[in-house]
C-alpha atoms as a PDB file:
ATOM      1  CA  MET A   1    -230.200  28.501 -84.246  1.00  0.00           C
ATOM      2  CA  ASN A   2    -231.531  30.155 -81.120  1.00  0.00           C
ATOM      3  CA  LYS A   3    -229.641  31.143 -77.958  1.00  0.00           C
ATOM      4  CA  VAL A   4    -231.287  30.677 -74.570  1.00  0.00           C
ATOM      5  CA  ASN A   5    -229.900  32.154 -71.346  1.00  0.00           C
ATOM      6  CA  LYS A   6    -230.575  31.418 -67.705  1.00  0.00           C
ATOM      7  CA  VAL A   7    -229.233  32.702 -64.404  1.00  0.00           C
ATOM      8  CA  VAL A   8    -228.537  30.297 -61.543  1.00  0.00           C
ATOM      9  CA  ARG A   9    -227.937  31.443 -57.969  1.00  0.00           C
ATOM     10  CA  LEU A  10    -225.465  29.326 -56.036  1.00  0.00           C
ATOM     11  CA  ALA A  11    -226.131  29.740 -52.313  1.00  0.00           C
ATOM     12  CA  LEU A  12    -223.356  29.074 -49.814  1.00  0.00           C
ATOM     13  CA  SER A  13    -223.475  28.737 -46.040  1.00  0.00           C
ATOM     14  CA  GLY A  14    -222.116  31.499 -43.868  1.00  0.00           C
ATOM     15  CA  GLY A  15    -220.977  31.730 -40.282  1.00  0.00           C
ATOM     16  CA  LEU A  16    -218.501  29.337 -38.695  1.00  0.00           C
ATOM     17  CA  ILE A  17    -220.001  26.298 -40.429  1.00  0.00           C
ATOM     18  CA  GLY A  18    -219.614  27.977 -43.801  1.00  0.00           C
ATOM     19  CA  MET A  19    -216.042  28.988 -43.060  1.00  0.00           C
ATOM     20  CA  VAL A  20    -215.057  25.445 -42.092  1.00  0.00           C
ATOM     21  CA  PHE A  21    -217.114  23.196 -44.377  1.00  0.00           C
ATOM     22  CA  THR A  22    -217.857  25.264 -47.503  1.00  0.00           C
ATOM     23  CA  ASN A  23    -215.420  25.239 -50.414  1.00  0.00           C
ATOM     24  CA  PRO A  24    -216.698  27.981 -52.763  1.00  0.00           C
ATOM     25  CA  ARG A  25    -214.535  26.912 -55.683  1.00  0.00           C
ATOM     26  CA  LYS A  26    -215.712  23.279 -55.515  1.00  0.00           C
ATOM     27  CA  ALA A  27    -219.349  24.383 -55.196  1.00  0.00           C
ATOM     28  CA  LEU A  28    -218.981  26.640 -58.246  1.00  0.00           C
ATOM     29  CA  ASP A  29    -217.201  23.897 -60.214  1.00  0.00           C
ATOM     30  CA  ASP A  30    -219.957  21.403 -59.323  1.00  0.00           C
ATOM     31  CA  VAL A  31    -222.770  23.724 -60.470  1.00  0.00           C
ATOM     32  CA  ILE A  32    -221.009  24.553 -63.734  1.00  0.00           C
ATOM     33  CA  ASP A  33    -220.217  20.867 -64.387  1.00  0.00           C
ATOM     34  CA  LYS A  34    -223.833  19.844 -63.731  1.00  0.00           C
ATOM     35  CA  HIS A  35    -225.145  22.406 -66.189  1.00  0.00           C
ATOM     36  CA  ASN A  36    -222.441  21.594 -68.757  1.00  0.00           C
ATOM     37  CA  GLN A  37    -223.678  17.998 -68.771  1.00  0.00           C
ATOM     38  CA  ASP A  38    -227.145  19.328 -69.655  1.00  0.00           C
ATOM     39  CA  GLY A  39    -225.733  21.323 -72.590  1.00  0.00           C
ATOM     40  CA  TRP A  40    -225.405  24.742 -70.908  1.00  0.00           C
ATOM     41  CA  ASN A  41    -222.222  26.830 -71.095  1.00  0.00           C
ATOM     42  CA  ALA A  42    -221.237  29.179 -68.277  1.00  0.00           C
ATOM     43  CA  ILE A  43    -220.430  32.559 -69.801  1.00  0.00           C
ATOM     44  CA  TYR A  44    -220.262  34.794 -66.715  1.00  0.00           C
ATOM     45  CA  PHE A  45    -220.374  34.604 -62.935  1.00  0.00           C
ATOM     46  CA  ALA A  46    -220.363  37.224 -60.200  1.00  0.00           C
ATOM     47  CA  GLU A  47    -220.374  37.235 -56.431  1.00  0.00           C
ATOM     48  CA  HIS A  48    -223.910  37.615 -55.071  1.00  0.00           C
ATOM     49  CA  LYS A  49    -224.199  40.401 -52.516  1.00  0.00           C
ATOM     50  CA  THR A  50    -227.291  41.287 -50.514  1.00  0.00           C
ATOM     51  CA  SER A  51    -228.510  44.796 -51.220  1.00  0.00           C
ATOM     52  CA  ASN A  52    -231.847  44.417 -49.441  1.00  0.00           C
ATOM     53  CA  LEU A  53    -231.778  45.874 -45.921  1.00  0.00           C
ATOM     54  CA  PHE A  54    -234.470  43.461 -44.639  1.00  0.00           C
ATOM     55  CA  VAL A  55    -232.524  40.412 -45.857  1.00  0.00           C
ATOM     56  CA  LEU A  56    -229.318  41.767 -44.313  1.00  0.00           C
ATOM     57  CA  LEU A  57    -231.051  42.225 -40.953  1.00  0.00           C
ATOM     58  CA  LEU A  58    -232.547  38.731 -41.200  1.00  0.00           C
ATOM     59  CA  GLN A  59    -229.070  37.294 -41.881  1.00  0.00           C
ATOM     60  CA  ILE A  60    -227.701  39.040 -38.795  1.00  0.00           C
ATOM     61  CA  ILE A  61    -230.614  37.818 -36.640  1.00  0.00           C
ATOM     62  CA  VAL A  62    -230.109  34.218 -37.831  1.00  0.00           C
ATOM     63  CA  LEU A  63    -226.383  34.513 -37.144  1.00  0.00           C
ATOM     64  CA  ILE A  64    -227.074  35.786 -33.616  1.00  0.00           C
ATOM     65  CA  CYS A  65    -229.691  33.080 -32.939  1.00  0.00           C
ATOM     66  CA  THR A  66    -227.266  30.345 -34.020  1.00  0.00           C
ATOM     67  CA  ILE A  67    -224.463  31.863 -31.907  1.00  0.00           C
ATOM     68  CA  GLY A  68    -222.433  32.581 -35.042  1.00  0.00           C
ATOM     69  CA  PHE A  69    -222.553  29.049 -36.385  1.00  0.00           C
ATOM     70  CA  TRP A  70    -224.690  29.534 -39.515  1.00  0.00           C
ATOM     71  CA  THR A  71    -226.402  32.078 -41.732  1.00  0.00           C
ATOM     72  CA  PHE A  72    -227.508  32.244 -45.351  1.00  0.00           C
ATOM     73  CA  GLY A  73    -226.969  34.621 -48.209  1.00  0.00           C
ATOM     74  CA  ALA A  74    -223.449  34.273 -49.565  1.00  0.00           C
ATOM     75  CA  GLY A  75    -222.988  32.868 -53.025  1.00  0.00           C
ATOM     76  CA  TYR A  76    -222.604  33.438 -56.745  1.00  0.00           C
ATOM     77  CA  MET A  77    -224.802  34.294 -59.710  1.00  0.00           C
ATOM     78  CA  VAL A  78    -223.902  32.274 -62.822  1.00  0.00           C
ATOM     79  CA  LEU A  79    -225.109  33.100 -66.329  1.00  0.00           C
ATOM     80  CA  PHE A  80    -225.506  30.102 -68.624  1.00  0.00           C
ATOM     81  CA  GLU A  81    -226.122  30.003 -72.365  1.00  0.00           C
ATOM     82  CA  LYS A  82    -227.419  27.199 -74.555  1.00  0.00           C
ATOM     83  CA  VAL A  83    -227.727  27.069 -78.331  1.00  0.00           C
ATOM     84  CA  THR A  84    -230.892  25.339 -79.514  1.00  0.00           C
ATOM     85  CA  ALA A  85    -232.204  24.489 -82.947  1.00  0.00           C
ATOM     86  CA  LYS A  86    -235.357  26.322 -83.973  1.00  0.00           C
END
């Protein structure tokens, strides 16, 4: 038996649209359920935070250009594991 891992990034909307229409728990449940149906097991998840200064500035510019309605970048990183036969 062989174990295979993969990391999936779940991106969520930010800004006012994200605050009103995004349910982080449902989005996380949906991603985990989808991968469970394909035989993957979620073994760990963490909040995804931007550590790149350029991406952070781009997020702020997009937020300003959309008058605070939308930006990108928030989300989760989910680690999945699958046991396969050799």
